[in-house]
Amino acid sequence: MAENLIQALETKVTDLIELSRELNRENRALKLRTAELQKERRELLERQRQASEHVETSLARLRSLDGTA
């Protein structure tokens, strides 16, 4: 009977070790994906800022042309 309990405990420990490894792999993958998404967000925000600047510059030019015409 004690042998069965020890075997069951060993099985559970082995399962927990494997689960821990799997969760660590998943955690690393999620951290990488988070970093990628944060970089993409920064790049998109920069592109949005540049586009806004371009629109503002274009509007200013149009206004100056409209004011002199």
PDB file of N, CA and C in Angstrom:
ATOM      1  N   MET A   1       0.822  -1.187   0.000  1.00  0.00           N
ATOM      2  CA  MET A   1       0.000   0.000   0.000  1.00  0.00           C
ATOM      3  C   MET A   1       0.869   1.256   0.000  1.00  0.00           C
ATOM      4  N   ALA A   2       1.908   1.282   0.822  1.00  0.00           N
ATOM      5  CA  ALA A   2       2.804   2.431   0.853  1.00  0.00           C
ATOM      6  C   ALA A   2       3.486   2.589  -0.506  1.00  0.00           C
ATOM      7  N   GLU A   3       3.767   1.467  -1.140  1.00  0.00           N
ATOM      8  CA  GLU A   3       4.381   1.503  -2.471  1.00  0.00           C
ATOM      9  C   GLU A   3       3.464   2.203  -3.463  1.00  0.00           C
ATOM     10  N   ASN A   4       2.157   1.925  -3.385  1.00  0.00           N
ATOM     11  CA  ASN A   4       1.182   2.575  -4.273  1.00  0.00           C
ATOM     12  C   ASN A   4       1.122   4.075  -4.015  1.00  0.00           C
ATOM     13  N   LEU A   5       1.168   4.474  -2.756  1.00  0.00           N
ATOM     14  CA  LEU A   5       1.119   5.892  -2.419  1.00  0.00           C
ATOM     15  C   LEU A   5       2.373   6.614  -2.929  1.00  0.00           C
ATOM     16  N   ILE A   6       3.509   5.970  -2.778  1.00  0.00           N
ATOM     17  CA  ILE A   6       4.760   6.565  -3.253  1.00  0.00           C
ATOM     18  C   ILE A   6       4.723   6.699  -4.779  1.00  0.00           C
ATOM     19  N   GLN A   7       4.239   5.656  -5.437  1.00  0.00           N
ATOM     20  CA  GLN A   7       4.140   5.686  -6.909  1.00  0.00           C
ATOM     21  C   GLN A   7       3.191   6.805  -7.354  1.00  0.00           C
ATOM     22  N   ALA A   8       2.065   6.937  -6.677  1.00  0.00           N
ATOM     23  CA  ALA A   8       1.096   7.988  -7.017  1.00  0.00           C
ATOM     24  C   ALA A   8       1.711   9.369  -6.792  1.00  0.00           C
ATOM     25  N   LEU A   9       2.438   9.516  -5.708  1.00  0.00           N
ATOM     26  CA  LEU A   9       3.096  10.793  -5.415  1.00  0.00           C
ATOM     27  C   LEU A   9       4.158  11.104  -6.473  1.00  0.00           C
ATOM     28  N   GLU A  10       4.931  10.112  -6.852  1.00  0.00           N
ATOM     29  CA  GLU A  10       5.948  10.312  -7.889  1.00  0.00           C
ATOM     30  C   GLU A  10       5.300  10.727  -9.208  1.00  0.00           C
ATOM     31  N   THR A  11       4.191  10.116  -9.536  1.00  0.00           N
ATOM     32  CA  THR A  11       3.466  10.459 -10.765  1.00  0.00           C
ATOM     33  C   THR A  11       2.976  11.901 -10.709  1.00  0.00           C
ATOM     34  N   LYS A  12       2.428  12.281  -9.574  1.00  0.00           N
ATOM     35  CA  LYS A  12       1.944  13.661  -9.431  1.00  0.00           C
ATOM     36  C   LYS A  12       3.083  14.665  -9.509  1.00  0.00           C
ATOM     37  N   VAL A  13       4.198  14.353  -8.884  1.00  0.00           N
ATOM     38  CA  VAL A  13       5.364  15.242  -8.935  1.00  0.00           C
ATOM     39  C   VAL A  13       5.859  15.363 -10.377  1.00  0.00           C
ATOM     40  N   THR A  14       5.931  14.254 -11.091  1.00  0.00           N
ATOM     41  CA  THR A  14       6.356  14.273 -12.493  1.00  0.00           C
ATOM     42  C   THR A  14       5.401  15.120 -13.333  1.00  0.00           C
ATOM     43  N   ASP A  15       4.106  14.941 -13.105  1.00  0.00           N
ATOM     44  CA  ASP A  15       3.107  15.738 -13.824  1.00  0.00           C
ATOM     45  C   ASP A  15       3.253  17.227 -13.515  1.00  0.00           C
ATOM     46  N   LEU A  16       3.503  17.553 -12.256  1.00  0.00           N
ATOM     47  CA  LEU A  16       3.679  18.954 -11.866  1.00  0.00           C
ATOM     48  C   LEU A  16       4.934  19.553 -12.481  1.00  0.00           C
ATOM     49  N   ILE A  17       5.996  18.773 -12.559  1.00  0.00           N
ATOM     50  CA  ILE A  17       7.230  19.247 -13.194  1.00  0.00           C
ATOM     51  C   ILE A  17       6.974  19.550 -14.667  1.00  0.00           C
ATOM     52  N   GLU A  18       6.293  18.645 -15.334  1.00  0.00           N
ATOM     53  CA  GLU A  18       5.986  18.853 -16.754  1.00  0.00           C
ATOM     54  C   GLU A  18       5.071  20.066 -16.940  1.00  0.00           C
ATOM     55  N   LEU A  19       4.084  20.213 -16.087  1.00  0.00           N
ATOM     56  CA  LEU A  19       3.192  21.374 -16.156  1.00  0.00           C
ATOM     57  C   LEU A  19       3.977  22.666 -15.937  1.00  0.00           C
ATOM     58  N   SER A  20       4.883  22.642 -14.992  1.00  0.00           N
ATOM     59  CA  SER A  20       5.716  23.814 -14.712  1.00  0.00           C
ATOM     60  C   SER A  20       6.561  24.171 -15.940  1.00  0.00           C
ATOM     61  N   ARG A  21       7.135  23.188 -16.573  1.00  0.00           N
ATOM     62  CA  ARG A  21       7.936  23.431 -17.779  1.00  0.00           C
ATOM     63  C   ARG A  21       7.070  24.009 -18.901  1.00  0.00           C
ATOM     64  N   GLU A  22       5.900  23.430 -19.059  1.00  0.00           N
ATOM     65  CA  GLU A  22       4.982  23.909 -20.097  1.00  0.00           C
ATOM     66  C   GLU A  22       4.570  25.361 -19.829  1.00  0.00           C
ATOM     67  N   LEU A  23       4.255  25.663 -18.581  1.00  0.00           N
ATOM     68  CA  LEU A  23       3.859  27.025 -18.229  1.00  0.00           C
ATOM     69  C   LEU A  23       5.017  28.009 -18.409  1.00  0.00           C
ATOM     70  N   ASN A  24       6.230  27.583 -18.105  1.00  0.00           N
ATOM     71  CA  ASN A  24       7.401  28.427 -18.339  1.00  0.00           C
ATOM     72  C   ASN A  24       7.591  28.716 -19.821  1.00  0.00           C
ATOM     73  N   ARG A  25       7.422  27.696 -20.667  1.00  0.00           N
ATOM     74  CA  ARG A  25       7.526  27.903 -22.122  1.00  0.00           C
ATOM     75  C   ARG A  25       6.453  28.880 -22.598  1.00  0.00           C
ATOM     76  N   GLU A  26       5.240  28.671 -22.119  1.00  0.00           N
ATOM     77  CA  GLU A  26       4.133  29.548 -22.503  1.00  0.00           C
ATOM     78  C   GLU A  26       4.388  30.973 -22.022  1.00  0.00           C
ATOM     79  N   ASN A  27       4.896  31.120 -20.826  1.00  0.00           N
ATOM     80  CA  ASN A  27       5.190  32.440 -20.271  1.00  0.00           C
ATOM     81  C   ASN A  27       6.242  33.161 -21.111  1.00  0.00           C
ATOM     82  N   ARG A  28       7.286  32.434 -21.497  1.00  0.00           N
ATOM     83  CA  ARG A  28       8.326  33.041 -22.343  1.00  0.00           C
ATOM     84  C   ARG A  28       7.736  33.484 -23.678  1.00  0.00           C
ATOM     85  N   ALA A  29       6.905  32.643 -24.266  1.00  0.00           N
ATOM     86  CA  ALA A  29       6.281  32.986 -25.551  1.00  0.00           C
ATOM     87  C   ALA A  29       5.387  34.218 -25.400  1.00  0.00           C
ATOM     88  N   LEU A  30       4.644  34.287 -24.316  1.00  0.00           N
ATOM     89  CA  LEU A  30       3.770  35.439 -24.091  1.00  0.00           C
ATOM     90  C   LEU A  30       4.572  36.710 -23.859  1.00  0.00           C
ATOM     91  N   LYS A  31       5.684  36.599 -23.154  1.00  0.00           N
ATOM     92  CA  LYS A  31       6.537  37.773 -22.943  1.00  0.00           C
ATOM     93  C   LYS A  31       7.108  38.277 -24.260  1.00  0.00           C
ATOM     94  N   LEU A  32       7.538  37.347 -25.120  1.00  0.00           N
ATOM     95  CA  LEU A  32       8.043  37.737 -26.433  1.00  0.00           C
ATOM     96  C   LEU A  32       6.957  38.418 -27.253  1.00  0.00           C
ATOM     97  N   ARG A  33       5.770  37.840 -27.230  1.00  0.00           N
ATOM     98  CA  ARG A  33       4.652  38.417 -28.003  1.00  0.00           C
ATOM     99  C   ARG A  33       4.291  39.794 -27.459  1.00  0.00           C
ATOM    100  N   THR A  34       4.314  39.946 -26.151  1.00  0.00           N
ATOM    101  CA  THR A  34       4.021  41.246 -25.537  1.00  0.00           C
ATOM    102  C   THR A  34       5.043  42.282 -25.981  1.00  0.00           C
ATOM    103  N   ALA A  35       6.306  41.906 -25.997  1.00  0.00           N
ATOM    104  CA  ALA A  35       7.361  42.822 -26.430  1.00  0.00           C
ATOM    105  C   ALA A  35       7.167  43.207 -27.899  1.00  0.00           C
ATOM    106  N   GLU A  36       6.812  42.229 -28.730  1.00  0.00           N
ATOM    107  CA  GLU A  36       6.568  42.509 -30.142  1.00  0.00           C
ATOM    108  C   GLU A  36       5.396  43.480 -30.312  1.00  0.00           C
ATOM    109  N   LEU A  37       4.330  43.248 -29.574  1.00  0.00           N
ATOM    110  CA  LEU A  37       3.160  44.110 -29.674  1.00  0.00           C
ATOM    111  C   LEU A  37       3.444  45.519 -29.165  1.00  0.00           C
ATOM    112  N   GLN A  38       4.246  45.616 -28.111  1.00  0.00           N
ATOM    113  CA  GLN A  38       4.602  46.942 -27.603  1.00  0.00           C
ATOM    114  C   GLN A  38       5.437  47.705 -28.623  1.00  0.00           C
ATOM    115  N   LYS A  39       6.358  47.007 -29.276  1.00  0.00           N
ATOM    116  CA  LYS A  39       7.175  47.639 -30.319  1.00  0.00           C
ATOM    117  C   LYS A  39       6.285  48.087 -31.470  1.00  0.00           C
ATOM    118  N   GLU A  40       5.380  47.211 -31.893  1.00  0.00           N
ATOM    119  CA  GLU A  40       4.469  47.551 -32.983  1.00  0.00           C
ATOM    120  C   GLU A  40       3.608  48.760 -32.614  1.00  0.00           C
ATOM    121  N   ARG A  41       3.157  48.822 -31.379  1.00  0.00           N
ATOM    122  CA  ARG A  41       2.344  49.950 -30.920  1.00  0.00           C
ATOM    123  C   ARG A  41       3.142  51.253 -30.976  1.00  0.00           C
ATOM    124  N   ARG A  42       4.402  51.196 -30.506  1.00  0.00           N
ATOM    125  CA  ARG A  42       5.251  52.396 -30.559  1.00  0.00           C
ATOM    126  C   ARG A  42       5.435  52.865 -32.005  1.00  0.00           C
ATOM    127  N   GLU A  43       5.670  51.901 -32.896  1.00  0.00           N
ATOM    128  CA  GLU A  43       5.859  52.248 -34.306  1.00  0.00           C
ATOM    129  C   GLU A  43       4.589  52.854 -34.899  1.00  0.00           C
ATOM    130  N   LEU A  44       3.453  52.285 -34.567  1.00  0.00           N
ATOM    131  CA  LEU A  44       2.186  52.817 -35.076  1.00  0.00           C
ATOM    132  C   LEU A  44       1.904  54.211 -34.528  1.00  0.00           C
ATOM    133  N   LEU A  45       2.202  54.419 -33.264  1.00  0.00           N
ATOM    134  CA  LEU A  45       2.010  55.751 -32.678  1.00  0.00           C
ATOM    135  C   LEU A  45       2.912  56.776 -33.363  1.00  0.00           C
ATOM    136  N   GLU A  46       4.138  56.380 -33.671  1.00  0.00           N
ATOM    137  CA  GLU A  46       5.059  57.281 -34.369  1.00  0.00           C
ATOM    138  C   GLU A  46       4.546  57.587 -35.770  1.00  0.00           C
ATOM    139  N   ARG A  47       4.065  56.577 -36.470  1.00  0.00           N
ATOM    140  CA  ARG A  47       3.508  56.798 -37.811  1.00  0.00           C
ATOM    141  C   ARG A  47       2.287  57.706 -37.739  1.00  0.00           C
ATOM    142  N   GLN A  48       1.459  57.512 -36.720  1.00  0.00           N
ATOM    143  CA  GLN A  48       0.285  58.371 -36.552  1.00  0.00           C
ATOM    144  C   GLN A  48       0.717  59.816 -36.294  1.00  0.00           C
ATOM    145  N   ARG A  49       1.745  59.999 -35.467  1.00  0.00           N
ATOM    146  CA  ARG A  49       2.242  61.340 -35.182  1.00  0.00           C
ATOM    147  C   ARG A  49       2.758  62.004 -36.455  1.00  0.00           C
ATOM    148  N   GLN A  50       3.504  61.235 -37.250  1.00  0.00           N
ATOM    149  CA  GLN A  50       4.038  61.770 -38.502  1.00  0.00           C
ATOM    150  C   GLN A  50       2.923  62.123 -39.474  1.00  0.00           C
ATOM    151  N   ALA A  51       1.910  61.269 -39.541  1.00  0.00           N
ATOM    152  CA  ALA A  51       0.782  61.542 -40.427  1.00  0.00           C
ATOM    153  C   ALA A  51       0.036  62.799 -39.975  1.00  0.00           C
ATOM    154  N   SER A  52      -0.141  62.961 -38.684  1.00  0.00           N
ATOM    155  CA  SER A  52      -0.808  64.155 -38.153  1.00  0.00           C
ATOM    156  C   SER A  52      -0.010  65.412 -38.492  1.00  0.00           C
ATOM    157  N   GLU A  53       1.308  65.323 -38.332  1.00  0.00           N
ATOM    158  CA  GLU A  53       2.175  66.447 -38.684  1.00  0.00           C
ATOM    159  C   GLU A  53       2.022  66.791 -40.159  1.00  0.00           C
ATOM    160  N   HIS A  54       2.001  65.766 -40.994  1.00  0.00           N
ATOM    161  CA  HIS A  54       1.875  65.973 -42.435  1.00  0.00           C
ATOM    162  C   HIS A  54       0.542  66.649 -42.763  1.00  0.00           C
ATOM    163  N   VAL A  55      -0.522  66.181 -42.147  1.00  0.00           N
ATOM    164  CA  VAL A  55      -1.840  66.768 -42.381  1.00  0.00           C
ATOM    165  C   VAL A  55      -1.854  68.224 -41.924  1.00  0.00           C
ATOM    166  N   GLU A  56      -1.306  68.495 -40.748  1.00  0.00           N
ATOM    167  CA  GLU A  56      -1.264  69.870 -40.240  1.00  0.00           C
ATOM    168  C   GLU A  56      -0.451  70.777 -41.165  1.00  0.00           C
ATOM    169  N   THR A  57       0.674  70.269 -41.644  1.00  0.00           N
ATOM    170  CA  THR A  57       1.507  71.053 -42.562  1.00  0.00           C
ATOM    171  C   THR A  57       0.758  71.330 -43.860  1.00  0.00           C
ATOM    172  N   SER A  58       0.091  70.305 -44.371  1.00  0.00           N
ATOM    173  CA  SER A  58      -0.679  70.474 -45.609  1.00  0.00           C
ATOM    174  C   SER A  58      -1.804  71.479 -45.413  1.00  0.00           C
ATOM    175  N   LEU A  59      -2.490  71.395 -44.287  1.00  0.00           N
ATOM    176  CA  LEU A  59      -3.569  72.348 -44.014  1.00  0.00           C
ATOM    177  C   LEU A  59      -3.035  73.770 -43.894  1.00  0.00           C
ATOM    178  N   ALA A  60      -1.896  73.918 -43.250  1.00  0.00           N
ATOM    179  CA  ALA A  60      -1.297  75.246 -43.115  1.00  0.00           C
ATOM    180  C   ALA A  60      -0.947  75.811 -44.488  1.00  0.00           C
ATOM    181  N   ARG A  61      -0.410  74.975 -45.363  1.00  0.00           N
ATOM    182  CA  ARG A  61      -0.091  75.426 -46.730  1.00  0.00           C
ATOM    183  C   ARG A  61      -1.356  75.839 -47.468  1.00  0.00           C
ATOM    184  N   LEU A  62      -2.388  75.019 -47.352  1.00  0.00           N
ATOM    185  CA  LEU A  62      -3.647  75.344 -48.024  1.00  0.00           C
ATOM    186  C   LEU A  62      -4.226  76.654 -47.500  1.00  0.00           C
ATOM    187  N   ARG A  63      -4.153  76.841 -46.194  1.00  0.00           N
ATOM    188  CA  ARG A  63      -4.668  78.070 -45.604  1.00  0.00           C
ATOM    189  C   ARG A  63      -3.860  79.284 -46.106  1.00  0.00           C
ATOM    190  N   SER A  64      -2.543  79.103 -46.197  1.00  0.00           N
ATOM    191  CA  SER A  64      -1.732  80.233 -46.666  1.00  0.00           C
ATOM    192  C   SER A  64      -2.007  80.523 -48.131  1.00  0.00           C
ATOM    193  N   LEU A  65      -2.220  79.493 -48.922  1.00  0.00           N
ATOM    194  CA  LEU A  65      -2.576  79.703 -50.329  1.00  0.00           C
ATOM    195  C   LEU A  65      -3.946  80.360 -50.450  1.00  0.00           C
ATOM    196  N   ASP A  66      -4.873  79.929 -49.638  1.00  0.00           N
ATOM    197  CA  ASP A  66      -6.232  80.477 -49.666  1.00  0.00           C
ATOM    198  C   ASP A  66      -6.214  81.944 -49.211  1.00  0.00           C
ATOM    199  N   GLY A  67      -5.355  82.263 -48.287  1.00  0.00           N
ATOM    200  CA  GLY A  67      -5.283  83.634 -47.775  1.00  0.00           C
ATOM    201  C   GLY A  67      -4.636  84.573 -48.770  1.00  0.00           C
ATOM    202  N   THR A  68      -3.751  84.076 -49.653  1.00  0.00           N
ATOM    203  CA  THR A  68      -3.073  84.956 -50.616  1.00  0.00           C
ATOM    204  C   THR A  68      -3.775  84.991 -51.957  1.00  0.00           C
ATOM    205  N   ALA A  69      -4.702  84.088 -52.187  1.00  0.00           N
ATOM    206  CA  ALA A  69      -5.357  84.030 -53.492  1.00  0.00           C
ATOM    207  C   ALA A  69      -6.438  85.049 -53.674  1.00  0.00           C
TER     208      ALA A  69
END
